Amino acid sequence: GGIGLNKRQEKIAVLKISKYLKNHLVKKGYKVYLTRDKDIFIPLKKRTHFANLKKADLFISIHCNIAPKKYKNLYGIETYYLSPTSNERAISVARVENKEVKGLNYLDQRVILKFLNKDRIISSHKLAIDVQQNMLSSLRRKYNKVRDNGVRPGPFWVLVGTQMPSILIETGYLTNPIESKRLFNSNYQKELAKGIAKGIE
């Protein structure tokens, strides 16, 4: 994961958010599997393989955004679903998340994405909309300056191998002074998780 302001680490924030999310969903009667429950690195392919082995109904990948230094004022929450796109912003975010993938140039990636299952794309898009709306609703009840950066298609390789509807959530920017603090605040993490859980439900 990335490292933001004051050396705050993405891997720590997203694991805590994921654990809160699991607790919310288990209370609602869902069976939840985490690809990791401690500070270890799981390669992208193994994450989707794990979800497929469990025959999961949904796959949720949780992240924090990192912006270049000159864009330290960027902030907001955005949710992505796997699909080809020409949107430069989505492509630049995907490039950061895909940096582990070697040996596939942009053209190769575009060819592979064209063969995606259309029904799965539609279901993933609907899931992304519901999760995005409910995250915003949950957070805005208690916090100001919660920006909606929207739902976008994106070529994210952590989602490529999934056999179920799947989304990638960017919960905020660790390079933004306000969001980086919030993303390490347990109350904020719980509200985020509550919103994701409502969206899933």
N, C-alpha and C. Protein backbone atom coordinates (compact mmCIF):
# COMPACT_ATOMS: atom_id res chain seq x y z
N GLY A 1 0.81 -1.21 0.00
CA GLY A 1 0.00 0.00 0.00
C GLY A 1 0.84 1.25 0.00
N GLY A 2 0.16 2.39 -0.18
CA GLY A 2 0.85 3.67 -0.25
C GLY A 2 1.14 4.25 1.13
N ILE A 3 1.98 5.29 1.13
CA ILE A 3 2.31 6.01 2.35
C ILE A 3 1.97 7.48 2.14
N GLY A 4 1.17 8.04 3.03
CA GLY A 4 0.69 9.41 2.88
C GLY A 4 1.36 10.39 3.84
N LEU A 5 0.64 11.45 4.20
CA LEU A 5 1.16 12.47 5.10
C LEU A 5 1.50 11.87 6.46
N ASN A 6 2.54 12.39 7.08
CA ASN A 6 2.99 11.92 8.40
C ASN A 6 3.24 10.41 8.43
N LYS A 7 3.66 9.90 7.27
CA LYS A 7 4.01 8.46 7.12
C LYS A 7 2.85 7.53 7.47
N ARG A 8 1.64 8.01 7.27
CA ARG A 8 0.47 7.15 7.50
C ARG A 8 0.38 6.10 6.40
N GLN A 9 0.21 4.85 6.78
CA GLN A 9 0.27 3.74 5.84
C GLN A 9 -1.12 3.24 5.44
N GLU A 10 -1.33 3.15 4.15
CA GLU A 10 -2.61 2.68 3.61
C GLU A 10 -2.98 1.31 4.18
N LYS A 11 -2.00 0.41 4.24
CA LYS A 11 -2.29 -0.98 4.65
C LYS A 11 -2.93 -1.06 6.04
N ILE A 12 -2.59 -0.11 6.91
CA ILE A 12 -3.13 -0.12 8.27
C ILE A 12 -4.58 0.37 8.27
N ALA A 13 -4.82 1.49 7.58
CA ALA A 13 -6.18 2.06 7.54
C ALA A 13 -7.17 1.09 6.89
N VAL A 14 -6.80 0.53 5.75
CA VAL A 14 -7.77 -0.30 5.03
C VAL A 14 -8.05 -1.63 5.74
N LEU A 15 -7.07 -2.15 6.47
CA LEU A 15 -7.33 -3.37 7.23
C LEU A 15 -8.33 -3.10 8.36
N LYS A 16 -8.19 -1.95 9.02
CA LYS A 16 -9.13 -1.62 10.10
C LYS A 16 -10.54 -1.39 9.55
N ILE A 17 -10.64 -0.68 8.43
CA ILE A 17 -11.94 -0.46 7.80
C ILE A 17 -12.56 -1.80 7.41
N SER A 18 -11.74 -2.69 6.86
CA SER A 18 -12.23 -4.00 6.42
C SER A 18 -12.73 -4.84 7.59
N LYS A 19 -12.04 -4.75 8.71
CA LYS A 19 -12.47 -5.52 9.89
C LYS A 19 -13.78 -4.98 10.45
N TYR A 20 -13.92 -3.65 10.46
CA TYR A 20 -15.20 -3.06 10.88
C TYR A 20 -16.32 -3.48 9.92
N LEU A 21 -16.01 -3.49 8.63
CA LEU A 21 -16.99 -3.90 7.63
C LEU A 21 -17.42 -5.35 7.86
N LYS A 22 -16.44 -6.21 8.12
CA LYS A 22 -16.77 -7.61 8.39
C LYS A 22 -17.72 -7.73 9.57
N ASN A 23 -17.43 -6.99 10.65
CA ASN A 23 -18.29 -7.04 11.84
C ASN A 23 -19.72 -6.62 11.52
N HIS A 24 -19.87 -5.54 10.76
CA HIS A 24 -21.21 -5.06 10.38
C HIS A 24 -21.96 -6.14 9.59
N LEU A 25 -21.27 -6.73 8.62
CA LEU A 25 -21.93 -7.70 7.74
C LEU A 25 -22.25 -9.01 8.46
N VAL A 26 -21.37 -9.45 9.34
CA VAL A 26 -21.62 -10.68 10.10
C VAL A 26 -22.86 -10.51 10.98
N LYS A 27 -22.99 -9.31 11.59
CA LYS A 27 -24.18 -9.03 12.41
C LYS A 27 -25.46 -9.09 11.59
N LYS A 28 -25.35 -8.77 10.30
CA LYS A 28 -26.52 -8.81 9.41
C LYS A 28 -26.77 -10.21 8.85
N GLY A 29 -25.91 -11.16 9.20
CA GLY A 29 -26.11 -12.55 8.77
C GLY A 29 -25.31 -12.99 7.56
N TYR A 30 -24.39 -12.14 7.10
CA TYR A 30 -23.55 -12.50 5.95
C TYR A 30 -22.34 -13.32 6.38
N LYS A 31 -21.87 -14.17 5.49
CA LYS A 31 -20.61 -14.86 5.71
C LYS A 31 -19.53 -14.04 5.01
N VAL A 32 -18.48 -13.69 5.73
CA VAL A 32 -17.45 -12.78 5.21
C VAL A 32 -16.07 -13.41 5.31
N TYR A 33 -15.32 -13.33 4.23
CA TYR A 33 -13.93 -13.79 4.21
C TYR A 33 -13.03 -12.60 3.89
N LEU A 34 -11.99 -12.40 4.69
CA LEU A 34 -11.00 -11.37 4.39
C LEU A 34 -9.81 -12.02 3.68
N THR A 35 -9.28 -11.36 2.66
CA THR A 35 -8.10 -11.92 2.00
C THR A 35 -6.89 -11.86 2.93
N ARG A 36 -6.91 -10.93 3.89
CA ARG A 36 -5.88 -10.91 4.95
C ARG A 36 -6.51 -10.37 6.23
N ASP A 37 -6.04 -10.88 7.38
CA ASP A 37 -6.54 -10.37 8.66
C ASP A 37 -5.40 -9.87 9.54
N LYS A 38 -4.20 -9.76 8.93
CA LYS A 38 -3.05 -9.19 9.64
C LYS A 38 -2.13 -8.52 8.62
N ASP A 39 -1.00 -8.00 9.08
CA ASP A 39 -0.11 -7.22 8.23
C ASP A 39 0.77 -8.12 7.35
N ILE A 40 0.15 -8.68 6.32
CA ILE A 40 0.90 -9.46 5.33
C ILE A 40 0.47 -8.99 3.93
N PHE A 41 1.34 -9.22 2.95
CA PHE A 41 1.02 -8.82 1.58
C PHE A 41 0.47 -10.02 0.81
N ILE A 42 -0.67 -9.82 0.15
CA ILE A 42 -1.27 -10.85 -0.69
C ILE A 42 -1.23 -10.34 -2.14
N PRO A 43 -0.56 -11.05 -3.06
CA PRO A 43 -0.52 -10.60 -4.47
C PRO A 43 -1.93 -10.49 -5.07
N LEU A 44 -2.07 -9.62 -6.06
CA LEU A 44 -3.38 -9.36 -6.67
C LEU A 44 -4.08 -10.64 -7.12
N LYS A 45 -3.37 -11.50 -7.84
CA LYS A 45 -3.99 -12.72 -8.37
C LYS A 45 -4.49 -13.64 -7.27
N LYS A 46 -3.77 -13.69 -6.16
CA LYS A 46 -4.18 -14.58 -5.06
C LYS A 46 -5.45 -14.08 -4.38
N ARG A 47 -5.67 -12.76 -4.41
CA ARG A 47 -6.88 -12.21 -3.79
C ARG A 47 -8.13 -12.68 -4.53
N THR A 48 -8.10 -12.57 -5.86
CA THR A 48 -9.27 -12.99 -6.64
C THR A 48 -9.41 -14.51 -6.63
N HIS A 49 -8.29 -15.23 -6.66
CA HIS A 49 -8.33 -16.69 -6.61
C HIS A 49 -9.00 -17.15 -5.32
N PHE A 50 -8.66 -16.48 -4.22
CA PHE A 50 -9.25 -16.78 -2.91
C PHE A 50 -10.77 -16.60 -2.95
N ALA A 51 -11.21 -15.47 -3.52
CA ALA A 51 -12.65 -15.19 -3.62
C ALA A 51 -13.36 -16.25 -4.46
N ASN A 52 -12.73 -16.65 -5.55
CA ASN A 52 -13.34 -17.66 -6.43
C ASN A 52 -13.41 -19.02 -5.74
N LEU A 53 -12.38 -19.38 -4.99
CA LEU A 53 -12.38 -20.66 -4.26
C LEU A 53 -13.50 -20.70 -3.23
N LYS A 54 -13.77 -19.55 -2.61
CA LYS A 54 -14.83 -19.47 -1.61
C LYS A 54 -16.22 -19.38 -2.24
N LYS A 55 -16.25 -19.28 -3.58
CA LYS A 55 -17.53 -19.10 -4.30
C LYS A 55 -18.30 -17.89 -3.76
N ALA A 56 -17.58 -16.81 -3.58
CA ALA A 56 -18.18 -15.59 -3.01
C ALA A 56 -19.20 -14.99 -3.97
N ASP A 57 -20.19 -14.30 -3.38
CA ASP A 57 -21.21 -13.62 -4.18
C ASP A 57 -20.75 -12.23 -4.62
N LEU A 58 -19.87 -11.63 -3.79
CA LEU A 58 -19.35 -10.29 -4.09
C LEU A 58 -17.88 -10.22 -3.71
N PHE A 59 -17.14 -9.34 -4.38
CA PHE A 59 -15.74 -9.09 -4.05
C PHE A 59 -15.56 -7.59 -3.89
N ILE A 60 -15.08 -7.17 -2.71
CA ILE A 60 -14.89 -5.75 -2.41
C ILE A 60 -13.41 -5.52 -2.11
N SER A 61 -12.79 -4.64 -2.86
CA SER A 61 -11.38 -4.31 -2.66
C SER A 61 -11.28 -2.89 -2.10
N ILE A 62 -10.70 -2.73 -0.91
CA ILE A 62 -10.70 -1.45 -0.21
C ILE A 62 -9.31 -0.82 -0.21
N HIS A 63 -9.24 0.45 -0.59
CA HIS A 63 -7.97 1.16 -0.75
C HIS A 63 -8.07 2.59 -0.23
N CYS A 64 -6.90 3.25 -0.10
CA CYS A 64 -6.82 4.70 0.11
C CYS A 64 -6.06 5.28 -1.08
N ASN A 65 -6.46 6.46 -1.50
CA ASN A 65 -5.82 7.12 -2.64
C ASN A 65 -4.55 7.85 -2.21
N ILE A 66 -3.62 7.98 -3.14
CA ILE A 66 -2.39 8.76 -2.94
C ILE A 66 -2.25 9.68 -4.16
N ALA A 67 -2.13 10.98 -3.91
CA ALA A 67 -1.96 11.93 -5.01
C ALA A 67 -0.53 12.46 -5.02
N PRO A 68 -0.01 12.86 -6.20
CA PRO A 68 1.31 13.50 -6.25
C PRO A 68 1.34 14.75 -5.38
N LYS A 69 2.52 15.15 -4.92
CA LYS A 69 2.66 16.28 -3.98
C LYS A 69 1.99 17.55 -4.46
N LYS A 70 2.05 17.81 -5.76
CA LYS A 70 1.45 19.06 -6.26
C LYS A 70 -0.07 19.06 -6.19
N TYR A 71 -0.68 17.88 -5.92
CA TYR A 71 -2.14 17.78 -5.81
C TYR A 71 -2.58 17.46 -4.38
N LYS A 72 -1.90 18.05 -3.39
CA LYS A 72 -2.20 17.69 -1.99
C LYS A 72 -3.61 18.10 -1.56
N ASN A 73 -4.26 19.00 -2.32
CA ASN A 73 -5.62 19.41 -1.96
C ASN A 73 -6.70 18.49 -2.52
N LEU A 74 -6.31 17.50 -3.32
CA LEU A 74 -7.29 16.54 -3.84
C LEU A 74 -7.89 15.76 -2.68
N TYR A 75 -9.20 15.57 -2.71
CA TYR A 75 -9.84 14.73 -1.70
C TYR A 75 -11.14 14.16 -2.26
N GLY A 76 -11.70 13.19 -1.56
CA GLY A 76 -12.97 12.61 -1.99
C GLY A 76 -12.94 11.10 -2.05
N ILE A 77 -14.16 10.55 -2.10
CA ILE A 77 -14.36 9.10 -2.13
C ILE A 77 -14.84 8.71 -3.52
N GLU A 78 -14.30 7.63 -4.05
CA GLU A 78 -14.73 7.15 -5.36
C GLU A 78 -14.77 5.63 -5.37
N THR A 79 -15.66 5.09 -6.18
CA THR A 79 -15.81 3.64 -6.29
C THR A 79 -15.71 3.24 -7.76
N TYR A 80 -14.95 2.19 -8.01
CA TYR A 80 -14.70 1.73 -9.37
C TYR A 80 -15.25 0.32 -9.58
N TYR A 81 -15.66 0.08 -10.82
CA TYR A 81 -16.01 -1.28 -11.23
C TYR A 81 -15.16 -1.59 -12.47
N LEU A 82 -14.87 -2.85 -12.69
CA LEU A 82 -13.97 -3.24 -13.77
C LEU A 82 -14.61 -3.07 -15.13
N SER A 83 -14.00 -2.25 -15.94
CA SER A 83 -14.49 -2.03 -17.31
C SER A 83 -13.45 -1.21 -18.06
N PRO A 84 -13.39 -1.39 -19.39
CA PRO A 84 -12.50 -0.53 -20.18
C PRO A 84 -12.93 0.92 -20.03
N THR A 85 -11.98 1.85 -20.09
CA THR A 85 -12.32 3.27 -19.98
C THR A 85 -11.29 4.12 -20.70
N SER A 86 -11.73 5.30 -21.11
CA SER A 86 -10.79 6.26 -21.69
C SER A 86 -10.61 7.44 -20.74
N ASN A 87 -11.22 7.35 -19.54
CA ASN A 87 -11.14 8.42 -18.55
C ASN A 87 -9.73 8.48 -17.96
N GLU A 88 -9.06 9.62 -18.15
CA GLU A 88 -7.66 9.75 -17.74
C GLU A 88 -7.48 9.60 -16.23
N ARG A 89 -8.43 10.13 -15.47
CA ARG A 89 -8.34 10.03 -14.01
C ARG A 89 -8.40 8.58 -13.56
N ALA A 90 -9.38 7.83 -14.11
CA ALA A 90 -9.52 6.41 -13.75
C ALA A 90 -8.27 5.63 -14.15
N ILE A 91 -7.73 5.95 -15.32
CA ILE A 91 -6.53 5.25 -15.81
C ILE A 91 -5.34 5.54 -14.89
N SER A 92 -5.20 6.79 -14.44
CA SER A 92 -4.06 7.13 -13.58
C SER A 92 -4.17 6.45 -12.21
N VAL A 93 -5.40 6.37 -11.66
CA VAL A 93 -5.59 5.66 -10.39
C VAL A 93 -5.29 4.17 -10.58
N ALA A 94 -5.78 3.61 -11.69
CA ALA A 94 -5.55 2.19 -11.97
C ALA A 94 -4.07 1.89 -12.14
N ARG A 95 -3.34 2.82 -12.73
CA ARG A 95 -1.91 2.61 -12.96
C ARG A 95 -1.18 2.41 -11.62
N VAL A 96 -1.58 3.18 -10.62
CA VAL A 96 -0.97 3.03 -9.28
C VAL A 96 -1.35 1.69 -8.67
N GLU A 97 -2.64 1.34 -8.75
CA GLU A 97 -3.10 0.09 -8.15
C GLU A 97 -2.56 -1.14 -8.88
N ASN A 98 -2.24 -0.98 -10.18
CA ASN A 98 -1.81 -2.12 -11.00
C ASN A 98 -0.30 -2.29 -11.04
N LYS A 99 0.44 -1.48 -10.28
CA LYS A 99 1.90 -1.46 -10.46
C LYS A 99 2.56 -2.82 -10.22
N GLU A 100 1.88 -3.69 -9.48
CA GLU A 100 2.42 -5.03 -9.22
C GLU A 100 2.40 -5.91 -10.47
N VAL A 101 1.47 -5.63 -11.40
CA VAL A 101 1.30 -6.47 -12.59
C VAL A 101 2.41 -6.18 -13.60
N LYS A 102 3.15 -7.20 -13.95
CA LYS A 102 4.27 -7.02 -14.88
C LYS A 102 3.96 -7.72 -16.21
N GLY A 103 4.55 -7.22 -17.28
CA GLY A 103 4.52 -7.94 -18.56
C GLY A 103 3.30 -7.71 -19.42
N LEU A 104 2.40 -6.82 -19.00
CA LEU A 104 1.23 -6.51 -19.82
C LEU A 104 1.23 -5.03 -20.15
N ASN A 105 1.39 -4.69 -21.42
CA ASN A 105 1.34 -3.27 -21.76
C ASN A 105 -0.11 -2.82 -21.87
N TYR A 106 -0.31 -1.53 -22.08
CA TYR A 106 -1.66 -0.97 -22.07
C TYR A 106 -2.54 -1.59 -23.15
N LEU A 107 -1.97 -1.85 -24.33
CA LEU A 107 -2.74 -2.45 -25.43
C LEU A 107 -3.19 -3.86 -25.07
N ASP A 108 -2.30 -4.65 -24.49
CA ASP A 108 -2.66 -6.01 -24.05
C ASP A 108 -3.82 -5.95 -23.06
N GLN A 109 -3.73 -5.01 -22.13
CA GLN A 109 -4.77 -4.87 -21.12
C GLN A 109 -6.12 -4.54 -21.76
N ARG A 110 -6.12 -3.63 -22.73
CA ARG A 110 -7.36 -3.25 -23.41
C ARG A 110 -8.00 -4.44 -24.11
N VAL A 111 -7.18 -5.28 -24.74
CA VAL A 111 -7.69 -6.46 -25.45
C VAL A 111 -8.37 -7.41 -24.46
N ILE A 112 -7.71 -7.67 -23.32
CA ILE A 112 -8.27 -8.57 -22.31
C ILE A 112 -9.59 -8.02 -21.76
N LEU A 113 -9.63 -6.73 -21.49
CA LEU A 113 -10.83 -6.12 -20.91
C LEU A 113 -12.03 -6.19 -21.85
N LYS A 114 -11.80 -6.27 -23.15
CA LYS A 114 -12.91 -6.34 -24.10
C LYS A 114 -13.69 -7.65 -23.98
N PHE A 115 -13.07 -8.67 -23.38
CA PHE A 115 -13.72 -9.98 -23.27
C PHE A 115 -14.41 -10.19 -21.92
N LEU A 116 -14.57 -9.12 -21.18
CA LEU A 116 -15.23 -9.23 -19.88
C LEU A 116 -16.71 -9.58 -20.04
N ASN A 117 -17.23 -10.25 -19.03
CA ASN A 117 -18.63 -10.63 -19.00
C ASN A 117 -19.52 -9.40 -18.78
N LYS A 118 -20.38 -9.12 -19.75
CA LYS A 118 -21.22 -7.90 -19.71
C LYS A 118 -22.16 -7.88 -18.50
N ASP A 119 -22.78 -9.04 -18.18
CA ASP A 119 -23.69 -9.09 -17.04
C ASP A 119 -22.97 -8.77 -15.73
N ARG A 120 -21.75 -9.26 -15.63
CA ARG A 120 -20.96 -9.00 -14.41
C ARG A 120 -20.59 -7.52 -14.31
N ILE A 121 -20.32 -6.90 -15.44
CA ILE A 121 -20.01 -5.47 -15.45
C ILE A 121 -21.23 -4.67 -14.98
N ILE A 122 -22.42 -5.03 -15.48
CA ILE A 122 -23.65 -4.32 -15.10
C ILE A 122 -23.91 -4.48 -13.60
N SER A 123 -23.78 -5.72 -13.09
CA SER A 123 -24.00 -5.97 -11.66
C SER A 123 -22.98 -5.23 -10.80
N SER A 124 -21.73 -5.20 -11.25
CA SER A 124 -20.68 -4.50 -10.52
C SER A 124 -20.95 -3.00 -10.50
N HIS A 125 -21.44 -2.48 -11.62
CA HIS A 125 -21.76 -1.05 -11.71
C HIS A 125 -22.87 -0.70 -10.71
N LYS A 126 -23.91 -1.53 -10.66
CA LYS A 126 -25.01 -1.29 -9.71
C LYS A 126 -24.53 -1.35 -8.26
N LEU A 127 -23.68 -2.34 -7.97
CA LEU A 127 -23.12 -2.47 -6.62
C LEU A 127 -22.31 -1.22 -6.27
N ALA A 128 -21.49 -0.76 -7.21
CA ALA A 128 -20.65 0.42 -6.98
C ALA A 128 -21.50 1.66 -6.66
N ILE A 129 -22.60 1.83 -7.38
CA ILE A 129 -23.50 2.98 -7.15
C ILE A 129 -24.09 2.91 -5.74
N ASP A 130 -24.59 1.74 -5.35
CA ASP A 130 -25.20 1.59 -4.03
C ASP A 130 -24.20 1.81 -2.90
N VAL A 131 -23.00 1.26 -3.06
CA VAL A 131 -21.98 1.42 -2.02
C VAL A 131 -21.52 2.87 -1.92
N GLN A 132 -21.29 3.51 -3.07
CA GLN A 132 -20.86 4.91 -3.07
C GLN A 132 -21.89 5.80 -2.38
N GLN A 133 -23.16 5.65 -2.75
CA GLN A 133 -24.22 6.48 -2.17
C GLN A 133 -24.34 6.30 -0.66
N ASN A 134 -24.23 5.06 -0.21
CA ASN A 134 -24.40 4.79 1.22
C ASN A 134 -23.19 5.19 2.05
N MET A 135 -21.99 5.11 1.48
CA MET A 135 -20.81 5.63 2.18
C MET A 135 -20.96 7.12 2.42
N LEU A 136 -21.34 7.84 1.35
CA LEU A 136 -21.50 9.29 1.45
C LEU A 136 -22.58 9.66 2.47
N SER A 137 -23.70 8.97 2.40
CA SER A 137 -24.83 9.23 3.31
C SER A 137 -24.43 9.00 4.76
N SER A 138 -23.73 7.91 5.02
CA SER A 138 -23.31 7.56 6.38
C SER A 138 -22.34 8.61 6.93
N LEU A 139 -21.35 9.00 6.14
CA LEU A 139 -20.33 9.94 6.59
C LEU A 139 -20.87 11.35 6.74
N ARG A 140 -21.73 11.79 5.81
CA ARG A 140 -22.22 13.17 5.83
C ARG A 140 -23.12 13.48 7.02
N ARG A 141 -23.63 12.45 7.67
CA ARG A 141 -24.43 12.68 8.87
C ARG A 141 -23.57 13.24 10.02
N LYS A 142 -22.26 12.94 9.98
CA LYS A 142 -21.39 13.33 11.10
C LYS A 142 -20.19 14.19 10.70
N TYR A 143 -19.91 14.25 9.40
CA TYR A 143 -18.71 14.97 8.96
C TYR A 143 -19.04 15.93 7.82
N ASN A 144 -18.33 17.07 7.79
CA ASN A 144 -18.49 17.97 6.64
C ASN A 144 -17.34 17.72 5.65
N LYS A 145 -17.41 18.37 4.52
CA LYS A 145 -16.40 18.22 3.46
C LYS A 145 -16.17 16.76 3.09
N VAL A 146 -17.26 16.05 2.86
CA VAL A 146 -17.17 14.68 2.33
C VAL A 146 -17.52 14.78 0.85
N ARG A 147 -16.53 14.65 0.01
CA ARG A 147 -16.73 14.88 -1.43
C ARG A 147 -17.03 13.58 -2.17
N ASP A 148 -18.01 13.67 -3.06
CA ASP A 148 -18.39 12.55 -3.93
C ASP A 148 -17.59 12.65 -5.23
N ASN A 149 -16.62 11.79 -5.39
CA ASN A 149 -15.83 11.75 -6.63
C ASN A 149 -16.42 10.78 -7.65
N GLY A 150 -17.57 10.20 -7.30
CA GLY A 150 -18.31 9.42 -8.29
C GLY A 150 -17.97 7.95 -8.40
N VAL A 151 -18.73 7.33 -9.28
CA VAL A 151 -18.55 5.91 -9.65
C VAL A 151 -17.97 5.88 -11.05
N ARG A 152 -16.91 5.13 -11.24
CA ARG A 152 -16.21 5.15 -12.53
C ARG A 152 -15.83 3.74 -12.98
N PRO A 153 -15.81 3.53 -14.30
CA PRO A 153 -15.22 2.29 -14.81
C PRO A 153 -13.71 2.41 -14.73
N GLY A 154 -13.02 1.29 -14.54
CA GLY A 154 -11.56 1.35 -14.49
C GLY A 154 -10.92 -0.01 -14.73
N PRO A 155 -9.73 -0.01 -15.31
CA PRO A 155 -9.02 -1.27 -15.62
C PRO A 155 -8.17 -1.76 -14.44
N PHE A 156 -8.83 -2.19 -13.38
CA PHE A 156 -8.12 -2.62 -12.17
C PHE A 156 -7.87 -4.13 -12.18
N TRP A 157 -6.60 -4.50 -12.08
CA TRP A 157 -6.26 -5.93 -12.23
C TRP A 157 -6.58 -6.76 -11.01
N VAL A 158 -6.80 -6.12 -9.85
CA VAL A 158 -7.23 -6.89 -8.70
C VAL A 158 -8.64 -7.45 -8.93
N LEU A 159 -9.40 -6.84 -9.87
CA LEU A 159 -10.77 -7.27 -10.14
C LEU A 159 -10.89 -8.21 -11.35
N VAL A 160 -9.82 -8.30 -12.14
CA VAL A 160 -9.91 -9.03 -13.42
C VAL A 160 -10.32 -10.48 -13.26
N GLY A 161 -9.75 -11.19 -12.30
CA GLY A 161 -9.99 -12.63 -12.20
C GLY A 161 -11.24 -13.03 -11.46
N THR A 162 -12.03 -12.08 -10.99
CA THR A 162 -13.19 -12.44 -10.18
C THR A 162 -14.31 -13.03 -11.03
N GLN A 163 -15.01 -14.00 -10.45
CA GLN A 163 -16.14 -14.63 -11.13
C GLN A 163 -17.47 -14.11 -10.60
N MET A 164 -17.40 -13.03 -9.85
CA MET A 164 -18.60 -12.45 -9.23
C MET A 164 -18.55 -10.93 -9.38
N PRO A 165 -19.68 -10.22 -9.17
CA PRO A 165 -19.63 -8.76 -9.19
C PRO A 165 -18.57 -8.25 -8.22
N SER A 166 -17.80 -7.27 -8.65
CA SER A 166 -16.69 -6.81 -7.83
C SER A 166 -16.45 -5.31 -8.01
N ILE A 167 -16.01 -4.67 -6.93
CA ILE A 167 -15.74 -3.24 -6.96
C ILE A 167 -14.45 -2.93 -6.22
N LEU A 168 -13.90 -1.76 -6.51
CA LEU A 168 -12.72 -1.26 -5.80
C LEU A 168 -13.09 0.12 -5.23
N ILE A 169 -12.93 0.27 -3.93
CA ILE A 169 -13.28 1.52 -3.25
C ILE A 169 -12.01 2.28 -2.89
N GLU A 170 -11.96 3.56 -3.28
CA GLU A 170 -10.90 4.46 -2.81
C GLU A 170 -11.54 5.32 -1.73
N THR A 171 -11.22 5.02 -0.47
CA THR A 171 -11.94 5.61 0.67
C THR A 171 -11.54 7.05 0.98
N GLY A 172 -10.55 7.58 0.28
CA GLY A 172 -10.10 8.95 0.52
C GLY A 172 -8.61 9.06 0.25
N TYR A 173 -8.09 10.28 0.38
CA TYR A 173 -6.68 10.55 0.05
C TYR A 173 -5.81 10.66 1.30
N LEU A 174 -4.81 9.80 1.39
CA LEU A 174 -3.85 9.89 2.49
C LEU A 174 -2.91 11.08 2.31
N THR A 175 -2.96 11.71 1.15
CA THR A 175 -2.13 12.88 0.89
C THR A 175 -2.88 14.19 1.15
N ASN A 176 -4.14 14.08 1.58
CA ASN A 176 -4.92 15.27 1.93
C ASN A 176 -4.91 15.43 3.46
N PRO A 177 -4.61 16.63 3.97
CA PRO A 177 -4.49 16.82 5.42
C PRO A 177 -5.72 16.41 6.23
N ILE A 178 -6.91 16.71 5.72
CA ILE A 178 -8.14 16.36 6.45
C ILE A 178 -8.44 14.87 6.35
N GLU A 179 -8.46 14.36 5.12
CA GLU A 179 -8.83 12.94 4.94
C GLU A 179 -7.81 11.98 5.55
N SER A 180 -6.53 12.33 5.50
CA SER A 180 -5.52 11.42 6.04
C SER A 180 -5.72 11.23 7.55
N LYS A 181 -6.13 12.31 8.25
CA LYS A 181 -6.41 12.18 9.68
C LYS A 181 -7.67 11.35 9.91
N ARG A 182 -8.70 11.65 9.13
CA ARG A 182 -9.98 10.94 9.29
C ARG A 182 -9.83 9.44 9.05
N LEU A 183 -9.05 9.08 8.05
CA LEU A 183 -8.91 7.67 7.69
C LEU A 183 -8.21 6.84 8.77
N PHE A 184 -7.61 7.53 9.75
CA PHE A 184 -7.00 6.83 10.89
C PHE A 184 -7.77 7.07 12.18
N ASN A 185 -8.97 7.62 12.05
CA ASN A 185 -9.85 7.84 13.19
C ASN A 185 -10.86 6.69 13.24
N SER A 186 -10.94 6.00 14.37
CA SER A 186 -11.79 4.79 14.45
C SER A 186 -13.26 5.09 14.21
N ASN A 187 -13.75 6.25 14.67
CA ASN A 187 -15.16 6.59 14.44
C ASN A 187 -15.45 6.79 12.96
N TYR A 188 -14.52 7.45 12.27
CA TYR A 188 -14.66 7.66 10.83
C TYR A 188 -14.61 6.33 10.09
N GLN A 189 -13.67 5.48 10.49
CA GLN A 189 -13.55 4.15 9.88
C GLN A 189 -14.85 3.35 10.05
N LYS A 190 -15.44 3.45 11.23
CA LYS A 190 -16.69 2.71 11.50
C LYS A 190 -17.84 3.24 10.64
N GLU A 191 -17.92 4.56 10.48
CA GLU A 191 -18.98 5.14 9.64
C GLU A 191 -18.80 4.74 8.18
N LEU A 192 -17.56 4.73 7.72
CA LEU A 192 -17.26 4.27 6.35
C LEU A 192 -17.73 2.84 6.17
N ALA A 193 -17.33 1.97 7.12
CA ALA A 193 -17.69 0.56 7.06
C ALA A 193 -19.20 0.37 7.09
N LYS A 194 -19.88 1.17 7.92
CA LYS A 194 -21.35 1.08 8.02
C LYS A 194 -21.99 1.42 6.68
N GLY A 195 -21.46 2.45 6.02
CA GLY A 195 -21.98 2.85 4.71
C GLY A 195 -21.76 1.78 3.65
N ILE A 196 -20.59 1.17 3.65
CA ILE A 196 -20.30 0.09 2.68
C ILE A 196 -21.25 -1.07 2.92
N ALA A 197 -21.45 -1.41 4.20
CA ALA A 197 -22.35 -2.53 4.55
C ALA A 197 -23.78 -2.26 4.08
N LYS A 198 -24.24 -1.03 4.27
CA LYS A 198 -25.61 -0.68 3.81
C LYS A 198 -25.70 -0.77 2.30
N GLY A 199 -24.66 -0.34 1.62
CA GLY A 199 -24.65 -0.43 0.16
C GLY A 199 -24.71 -1.87 -0.32
N ILE A 200 -23.98 -2.74 0.35
CA ILE A 200 -23.98 -4.16 -0.01
C ILE A 200 -25.37 -4.76 0.24
N GLU A 201 -25.95 -4.40 1.36
CA GLU A 201 -27.27 -4.93 1.71
C GLU A 201 -28.34 -4.49 0.70
